[in-house]
């Protein structure tokens, strides 16, 4: 990944990220349009400034006056180049007077937003349980929203997400609560991304202490502890590969049991031993030639409920890892924001409390 961060390098990274996504992402189409309009504007500006100089040189051969003009041209070009180079992260594809946050801070902000959503989902379950929390209605919700406001994040949220978080207790659907809680593994991945002391749970268990995972995401970071740390692309890839293997194997098993629709991944079926050996070689699973381990049993022996849950976890992990890979490549968290926004849509209904658990 290049460390050159001038305006044109940013444009190039932006195009490499957004052009393949233009067909399915309206935001990518808008950003590509902005890049091309900006480049066209710069071409017109330079043509307006240097066009007359070039014409003068062509018509009259320059002489002393021509040399003076050339010197002025180079001085202007050098000044513009220094301006672009020294502007740092204040140059963006939009009009903004505030510097953009660092990539680490941007990922931290998205983690806090996602943790707030999951915390709210857990609170919904607690309120609907036989022993609800003894809190006045709205107190916990107000505390969650106050934290987002204190971090200057509330106003950055899209309207659907703000409405979801501000909705009264009991207004979230069971589907919305379940989808939010499934993304606890995304919090685990983000904790691992930001903290060198955090280990990511193996896909064979995909289980970690949910309370500790969420608590770490909601705590304010120590400003002097690893202020610039982020996992590398190589580390992301090392986590991506076993998640793909497990997702394919679990999906195959659900198709065989008639629980999921689709076609079997025949490569995995025909070369199971090679896949298991690969999983063992990266420390993801002990070598069991005929199948992958899941908890204390093999996938083929595991209860369907466990397989369904772990397949969801594997899918969330893959989406999160891909979003972080995109963030390292583009220095933006667009894909991560899109993943989080997807949790807002089905999370509540107008007047229907969540069903009994």
Protein backbone atom coordinates (compact mmCIF):
# COMPACT_ATOMS: atom_id res chain seq x y z
CA UNK A 1 0.00 0.00 0.00
CA UNK A 2 1.46 3.34 -1.07
CA UNK A 3 2.23 5.95 1.51
CA UNK A 4 1.91 8.76 -1.05
CA UNK A 5 -1.23 10.63 0.02
CA UNK A 6 -1.53 13.57 -2.35
CA UNK A 7 -4.76 14.53 -4.08
CA UNK A 8 -4.20 12.50 -7.24
CA UNK A 9 -3.23 9.37 -5.29
CA UNK A 10 -6.48 9.69 -3.38
CA UNK A 11 -8.42 10.03 -6.63
CA UNK A 12 -6.73 6.92 -8.00
CA UNK A 13 -7.50 4.86 -4.87
CA UNK A 14 -11.08 6.11 -4.93
CA UNK A 15 -11.59 5.03 -8.55
CA UNK A 16 -10.01 1.61 -8.00
CA UNK A 17 -12.39 1.03 -5.11
CA UNK A 18 -15.60 2.50 -6.55
CA UNK A 19 -15.54 1.63 -10.27
CA UNK A 20 -16.08 -2.14 -9.72
CA UNK A 21 -18.99 -1.29 -7.37
CA UNK A 22 -20.77 1.23 -9.61
CA UNK A 23 -23.38 -1.19 -10.92
CA UNK A 24 -24.75 -2.03 -7.47
CA UNK A 25 -23.86 0.98 -5.29
CA UNK A 26 -25.36 4.42 -5.94
CA UNK A 27 -22.85 6.05 -3.56
CA UNK A 28 -19.97 4.65 -5.62
CA UNK A 29 -21.50 6.09 -8.80
CA UNK A 30 -21.78 9.51 -7.15
CA UNK A 31 -18.18 9.46 -5.92
CA UNK A 32 -16.85 8.43 -9.35
CA UNK A 33 -18.81 11.30 -10.89
CA UNK A 34 -17.31 13.74 -8.38
CA UNK A 35 -13.79 12.51 -9.15
CA UNK A 36 -14.24 12.95 -12.92
CA UNK A 37 -15.84 16.38 -12.53
CA UNK A 38 -12.99 17.48 -10.27
CA UNK A 39 -10.35 16.25 -12.72
CA UNK A 40 -12.18 17.97 -15.59
CA UNK A 41 -12.29 21.21 -13.57
CA UNK A 42 -8.54 21.02 -12.88
CA UNK A 43 -7.84 20.46 -16.61
CA UNK A 44 -9.93 23.51 -17.50
CA UNK A 45 -8.18 25.65 -14.87
CA UNK A 46 -4.71 24.65 -16.05
CA UNK A 47 -5.74 25.17 -19.68
CA UNK A 48 -7.04 28.65 -18.87
CA UNK A 49 -3.79 29.55 -17.06
CA UNK A 50 -1.18 27.94 -19.28
CA UNK A 51 -2.99 27.97 -22.65
CA UNK A 52 -2.15 31.61 -23.43
CA UNK A 53 1.47 31.02 -22.42
CA UNK A 54 1.77 28.08 -24.78
CA UNK A 55 0.15 30.08 -27.59
CA UNK A 56 2.57 32.97 -26.99
CA UNK A 57 5.53 30.61 -27.13
CA UNK A 58 4.23 29.02 -30.32
CA UNK A 59 3.46 32.30 -32.10
CA UNK A 60 6.36 34.51 -31.08
CA UNK A 61 9.20 32.22 -30.01
CA UNK A 62 9.35 33.58 -26.50
CA UNK A 63 12.65 35.37 -25.97
CA UNK A 64 13.25 36.99 -22.57
CA UNK A 65 9.52 37.49 -22.00
CA UNK A 66 8.86 33.84 -22.88
CA UNK A 67 11.53 32.70 -20.42
CA UNK A 68 9.92 34.85 -17.73
CA UNK A 69 6.57 33.25 -18.44
CA UNK A 70 8.09 29.76 -18.22
CA UNK A 71 9.61 30.64 -14.83
CA UNK A 72 6.24 31.87 -13.62
CA UNK A 73 4.55 28.70 -14.89
CA UNK A 74 6.97 26.48 -12.99
CA UNK A 75 6.59 28.60 -9.85
CA UNK A 76 2.80 28.26 -10.02
CA UNK A 77 3.01 24.53 -10.65
CA UNK A 78 5.43 24.05 -7.75
CA UNK A 79 3.21 26.11 -5.45
CA UNK A 80 0.13 24.07 -6.36
CA UNK A 81 2.01 20.83 -5.86
CA UNK A 82 3.17 21.91 -2.40
CA UNK A 83 -0.37 22.96 -1.56
CA UNK A 84 -1.76 19.56 -2.54
CA UNK A 85 1.02 17.71 -0.73
CA UNK A 86 0.80 19.69 2.51
CA UNK A 87 -2.98 19.73 2.75
CA UNK A 88 -2.85 16.30 4.39
CA UNK A 89 -6.15 14.73 5.27
CA UNK A 90 -8.13 17.96 4.89
CA UNK A 91 -8.59 17.26 1.15
CA UNK A 92 -11.74 15.23 0.61
CA UNK A 93 -14.25 14.59 -2.15
CA UNK A 94 -16.55 17.23 -0.72
CA UNK A 95 -16.53 20.63 0.95
CA UNK A 96 -15.35 20.38 4.55
CA UNK A 97 -13.40 22.70 6.80
CA UNK A 98 -12.73 20.07 9.49
CA UNK A 99 -9.90 17.57 9.10
CA UNK A 100 -11.01 14.00 8.43
CA UNK A 101 -10.41 11.53 11.27
CA UNK A 102 -7.57 9.06 10.98
CA UNK A 103 -8.48 5.61 9.66
CA UNK A 104 -8.03 4.10 13.12
CA UNK A 105 -10.35 6.73 14.65
CA UNK A 106 -12.89 6.19 11.87
CA UNK A 107 -12.94 2.43 12.55
CA UNK A 108 -13.20 3.11 16.28
CA UNK A 109 -16.20 5.38 15.64
CA UNK A 110 -17.98 2.71 13.59
CA UNK A 111 -17.24 0.13 16.27
CA UNK A 112 -18.85 2.36 18.89
CA UNK A 113 -21.96 2.82 16.73
CA UNK A 114 -22.25 -0.93 16.14
CA UNK A 115 -21.66 -1.67 19.84
CA UNK A 116 -24.45 0.76 20.73
CA UNK A 117 -26.85 -1.08 18.41
CA UNK A 118 -25.94 -4.47 19.89
CA UNK A 119 -26.11 -3.09 23.43
CA UNK A 120 -29.61 -1.82 22.69
CA UNK A 121 -30.59 -5.25 21.30
CA UNK A 122 -29.32 -6.93 24.47
CA UNK A 123 -31.29 -4.41 26.54
CA UNK A 124 -34.44 -5.26 24.54
CA UNK A 125 -34.03 -8.92 25.47
CA UNK A 126 -33.46 -8.05 29.12
CA UNK A 127 -36.60 -5.91 29.21
CA UNK A 128 -38.70 -8.72 27.72
CA UNK A 129 -37.32 -11.39 30.05
CA UNK A 130 -38.97 -12.70 33.20
CA UNK A 131 -36.67 -10.49 35.27
CA UNK A 132 -36.51 -7.16 33.44
CA UNK A 133 -33.99 -4.55 34.45
CA UNK A 134 -35.28 -2.29 37.19
CA UNK A 135 -34.76 0.97 35.28
CA UNK A 136 -37.11 3.77 34.41
CA UNK A 137 -38.24 3.71 30.81
CA UNK A 138 -35.85 5.61 28.57
CA UNK A 139 -32.93 5.99 31.00
CA UNK A 140 -30.69 3.35 29.42
CA UNK A 141 -31.67 4.45 25.92
CA UNK A 142 -30.88 8.10 26.75
CA UNK A 143 -27.48 7.09 28.16
CA UNK A 144 -26.61 5.25 24.94
CA UNK A 145 -27.60 8.20 22.78
CA UNK A 146 -25.77 10.67 25.04
CA UNK A 147 -22.57 8.69 24.51
CA UNK A 148 -22.93 8.99 20.73
CA UNK A 149 -23.58 12.72 21.06
CA UNK A 150 -20.57 13.14 23.33
CA UNK A 151 -18.40 11.53 20.64
CA UNK A 152 -19.99 13.78 17.96
CA UNK A 153 -21.37 10.71 16.18
CA UNK A 154 -25.13 11.12 16.59
CA UNK A 155 -25.52 13.72 13.85
CA UNK A 156 -23.43 11.62 11.46
CA UNK A 157 -25.89 8.71 11.60
CA UNK A 158 -28.40 8.20 8.77
CA UNK A 159 -32.02 8.95 9.67
CA UNK A 160 -33.14 5.26 9.70
CA UNK A 161 -30.45 4.41 12.23
CA UNK A 162 -31.25 7.41 14.45
CA UNK A 163 -34.94 6.47 14.41
CA UNK A 164 -34.07 2.88 15.27
CA UNK A 165 -31.93 3.82 18.29
CA UNK A 166 -34.34 6.50 19.51
CA UNK A 167 -37.40 4.21 19.29
CA UNK A 168 -39.12 3.34 22.61
CA UNK A 169 -38.17 0.18 24.46
CA UNK A 170 -40.07 -2.84 23.22
CA UNK A 171 -40.44 -1.56 19.66
CA UNK A 172 -37.72 -3.71 18.11
CA UNK A 173 -38.79 -6.90 16.34
CA UNK A 174 -37.42 -10.30 17.21
CA UNK A 175 -35.85 -10.45 13.74
CA UNK A 176 -34.10 -7.12 14.27
CA UNK A 177 -32.82 -8.09 17.72
CA UNK A 178 -31.51 -11.43 16.44
CA UNK A 179 -29.76 -9.84 13.46
CA UNK A 180 -28.10 -7.25 15.68
CA UNK A 181 -26.87 -9.83 18.18
CA UNK A 182 -25.43 -11.97 15.38
CA UNK A 183 -23.13 -9.03 14.63
CA UNK A 184 -21.43 -9.44 18.01
CA UNK A 185 -18.76 -11.30 16.03
CA UNK A 186 -18.23 -8.12 13.99
CA UNK A 187 -17.43 -6.35 17.27
CA UNK A 188 -14.95 -9.13 18.08
CA UNK A 189 -13.27 -8.61 14.68
CA UNK A 190 -13.11 -4.83 15.20
CA UNK A 191 -11.66 -5.27 18.69
CA UNK A 192 -8.99 -7.53 17.19
CA UNK A 193 -8.35 -5.00 14.39
CA UNK A 194 -7.72 -2.16 16.84
CA UNK A 195 -5.96 -3.93 19.71
CA UNK A 196 -2.78 -6.04 19.47
CA UNK A 197 -3.65 -7.76 22.77
CA UNK A 198 -6.98 -9.15 21.51
CA UNK A 199 -7.19 -12.59 19.89
CA UNK A 200 -9.98 -13.51 17.48
CA UNK A 201 -11.94 -16.62 18.44
CA UNK A 202 -11.45 -19.67 16.22
CA UNK A 203 -14.12 -20.45 13.66
CA UNK A 204 -14.47 -23.94 15.11
CA UNK A 205 -16.04 -22.34 18.17
CA UNK A 206 -16.66 -18.73 17.11
CA UNK A 207 -17.50 -18.06 20.72
CA UNK A 208 -16.17 -15.41 23.03
CA UNK A 209 -17.48 -13.77 26.16
CA UNK A 210 -20.12 -11.46 24.70
CA UNK A 211 -20.08 -9.16 27.70
CA UNK A 212 -16.31 -8.66 27.58
CA UNK A 213 -16.41 -8.18 23.81
CA UNK A 214 -19.09 -5.52 24.08
CA UNK A 215 -17.55 -3.85 27.13
CA UNK A 216 -14.21 -3.45 25.33
CA UNK A 217 -15.98 -1.80 22.40
CA UNK A 218 -17.88 0.64 24.63
CA UNK A 219 -14.91 1.70 26.75
CA UNK A 220 -13.08 4.88 25.88
CA UNK A 221 -9.66 3.98 24.48
CA UNK A 222 -6.46 4.72 26.34
CA UNK A 223 -4.94 7.54 24.24
CA UNK A 224 -1.38 6.43 24.95
CA UNK A 225 -1.90 2.72 24.25
CA UNK A 226 -0.98 1.82 20.66
CA UNK A 227 -2.46 5.05 19.19
CA UNK A 228 -1.66 4.08 15.57
CA UNK A 229 -2.11 0.31 15.66
CA UNK A 230 -4.10 -1.47 12.95
CA UNK A 231 -3.90 -5.06 11.74
CA UNK A 232 -2.25 -5.57 8.35
CA UNK A 233 -3.69 -6.88 5.11
CA UNK A 234 -1.78 -10.13 5.65
CA UNK A 235 -3.38 -10.62 9.06
CA UNK A 236 -6.83 -9.93 7.61
CA UNK A 237 -6.23 -12.51 4.89
CA UNK A 238 -5.15 -15.10 7.46
CA UNK A 239 -8.53 -14.71 9.19
CA UNK A 240 -10.46 -14.56 5.91
CA UNK A 241 -9.40 -17.98 4.54
CA UNK A 242 -10.66 -20.22 7.38
CA UNK A 243 -13.93 -18.28 7.52
CA UNK A 244 -14.46 -19.06 3.82
CA UNK A 245 -13.76 -22.77 4.38
CA UNK A 246 -16.13 -23.00 7.32
CA UNK A 247 -18.86 -21.04 5.53
CA UNK A 248 -18.71 -23.38 2.53
CA UNK A 249 -18.64 -26.51 4.67
CA UNK A 250 -21.54 -25.41 6.89
CA UNK A 251 -23.60 -24.36 3.87
CA UNK A 252 -22.97 -27.74 2.22
CA UNK A 253 -24.14 -29.51 5.36
CA UNK A 254 -27.34 -27.46 5.55
CA UNK A 255 -28.07 -28.19 1.87
CA UNK A 256 -27.58 -31.92 2.50
CA UNK A 257 -30.02 -31.75 5.42
CA UNK A 258 -32.58 -29.92 3.31
CA UNK A 259 -32.46 -26.82 5.52
CA UNK A 260 -30.90 -24.52 2.90
CA UNK A 261 -31.43 -24.18 -0.82
CA UNK A 262 -28.64 -24.13 -3.34
CA UNK A 263 -26.05 -26.34 -4.98
CA UNK A 264 -23.27 -28.15 -3.16
CA UNK A 265 -19.77 -26.72 -3.37
CA UNK A 266 -18.39 -29.80 -5.14
CA UNK A 267 -14.75 -28.74 -4.92
CA UNK A 268 -15.01 -28.89 -1.15
CA UNK A 269 -16.89 -32.20 -1.28
CA UNK A 270 -14.40 -33.87 -3.63
CA UNK A 271 -11.25 -32.56 -1.96
CA UNK A 272 -12.34 -32.49 1.67
CA UNK A 273 -9.05 -33.94 2.91
CA UNK A 274 -7.04 -31.14 1.30
CA UNK A 275 -9.28 -28.50 2.85
CA UNK A 276 -9.01 -30.08 6.29
CA UNK A 277 -5.23 -30.27 5.96
CA UNK A 278 -5.13 -26.60 4.99
CA UNK A 279 -7.28 -25.65 7.98
CA UNK A 280 -4.89 -27.56 10.24
CA UNK A 281 -1.83 -25.94 8.63
CA UNK A 282 -2.99 -22.44 9.59
CA UNK A 283 -3.85 -23.50 13.13
CA UNK A 284 -7.59 -23.21 12.63
CA UNK A 285 -8.53 -26.84 13.25
CA UNK A 286 -6.95 -30.10 14.32
CA UNK A 287 -6.55 -32.40 11.34
CA UNK A 288 -9.61 -34.62 10.90
CA UNK A 289 -9.47 -35.99 7.38
CA UNK A 290 -13.19 -36.49 6.87
CA UNK A 291 -14.57 -33.25 8.30
CA UNK A 292 -14.03 -29.99 10.14
CA UNK A 293 -14.49 -29.82 13.90
CA UNK A 294 -17.32 -27.79 15.36
CA UNK A 295 -17.22 -27.44 19.12
CA UNK A 296 -16.50 -30.93 20.44
CA UNK A 297 -17.88 -32.80 17.41
CA UNK A 298 -17.60 -32.85 13.62
CA UNK A 299 -19.76 -30.63 11.43
CA UNK A 300 -21.63 -33.69 10.16
CA UNK A 301 -22.55 -34.59 13.75
CA UNK A 302 -23.44 -31.11 15.01
CA UNK A 303 -27.05 -30.03 15.72
CA UNK A 304 -28.68 -28.09 12.90
CA UNK A 305 -29.25 -25.07 15.18
CA UNK A 306 -25.53 -24.83 15.91
CA UNK A 307 -24.67 -25.06 12.22
CA UNK A 308 -27.21 -22.36 11.32
CA UNK A 309 -25.81 -20.05 14.00
CA UNK A 310 -22.17 -20.60 13.07
CA UNK A 311 -22.90 -20.12 9.38
CA UNK A 312 -24.38 -16.72 10.26
CA UNK A 313 -21.30 -15.91 12.33
CA UNK A 314 -18.99 -16.95 9.48
CA UNK A 315 -20.91 -14.75 7.03
CA UNK A 316 -20.74 -11.74 9.39
CA UNK A 317 -17.04 -12.32 9.92
CA UNK A 318 -16.37 -12.42 6.18
CA UNK A 319 -18.34 -9.21 5.55
CA UNK A 320 -16.49 -7.44 8.39
CA UNK A 321 -13.06 -8.61 7.26
CA UNK A 322 -13.82 -7.51 3.69
CA UNK A 323 -15.01 -4.11 4.92
CA UNK A 324 -11.77 -3.68 6.87
CA UNK A 325 -9.72 -4.75 3.86
CA UNK A 326 -11.51 -2.10 1.80
CA UNK A 327 -10.82 0.44 4.55
CA UNK A 328 -7.07 -0.29 4.47
CA UNK A 329 -7.09 0.03 0.69
CA UNK A 330 -9.21 3.20 0.34
CA UNK A 331 -8.61 4.78 3.79
CA UNK A 332 -12.41 5.09 4.12
CA UNK A 333 -14.99 3.10 6.09
CA UNK A 334 -17.81 3.17 3.52
CA UNK A 335 -18.29 -0.62 3.42
CA UNK A 336 -18.30 -0.79 7.22
CA UNK A 337 -20.93 1.95 7.39
CA UNK A 338 -23.10 0.10 4.87
CA UNK A 339 -22.93 -3.09 6.96
CA UNK A 340 -24.00 -1.19 10.08
CA UNK A 341 -26.80 0.65 8.28
CA UNK A 342 -28.24 -2.69 7.14
CA UNK A 343 -29.11 -3.39 10.78
CA UNK A 344 -31.49 -0.43 10.94
CA UNK A 345 -34.01 -1.49 8.30
CA UNK A 346 -35.73 -4.49 9.91
CA UNK A 347 -34.99 -3.56 13.51
CA UNK A 348 -38.36 -2.21 14.51
CA UNK A 349 -41.99 -2.01 13.48
CA UNK A 350 -44.34 0.89 14.11
CA UNK A 351 -46.46 -0.51 16.91
CA UNK A 352 -45.48 -4.12 17.42
CA UNK A 353 -43.52 -5.12 20.53
CA UNK A 354 -41.06 -7.98 20.09
CA UNK A 355 -42.66 -11.41 20.61
CA UNK A 356 -42.14 -13.34 23.83
CA UNK A 357 -38.78 -15.06 23.95
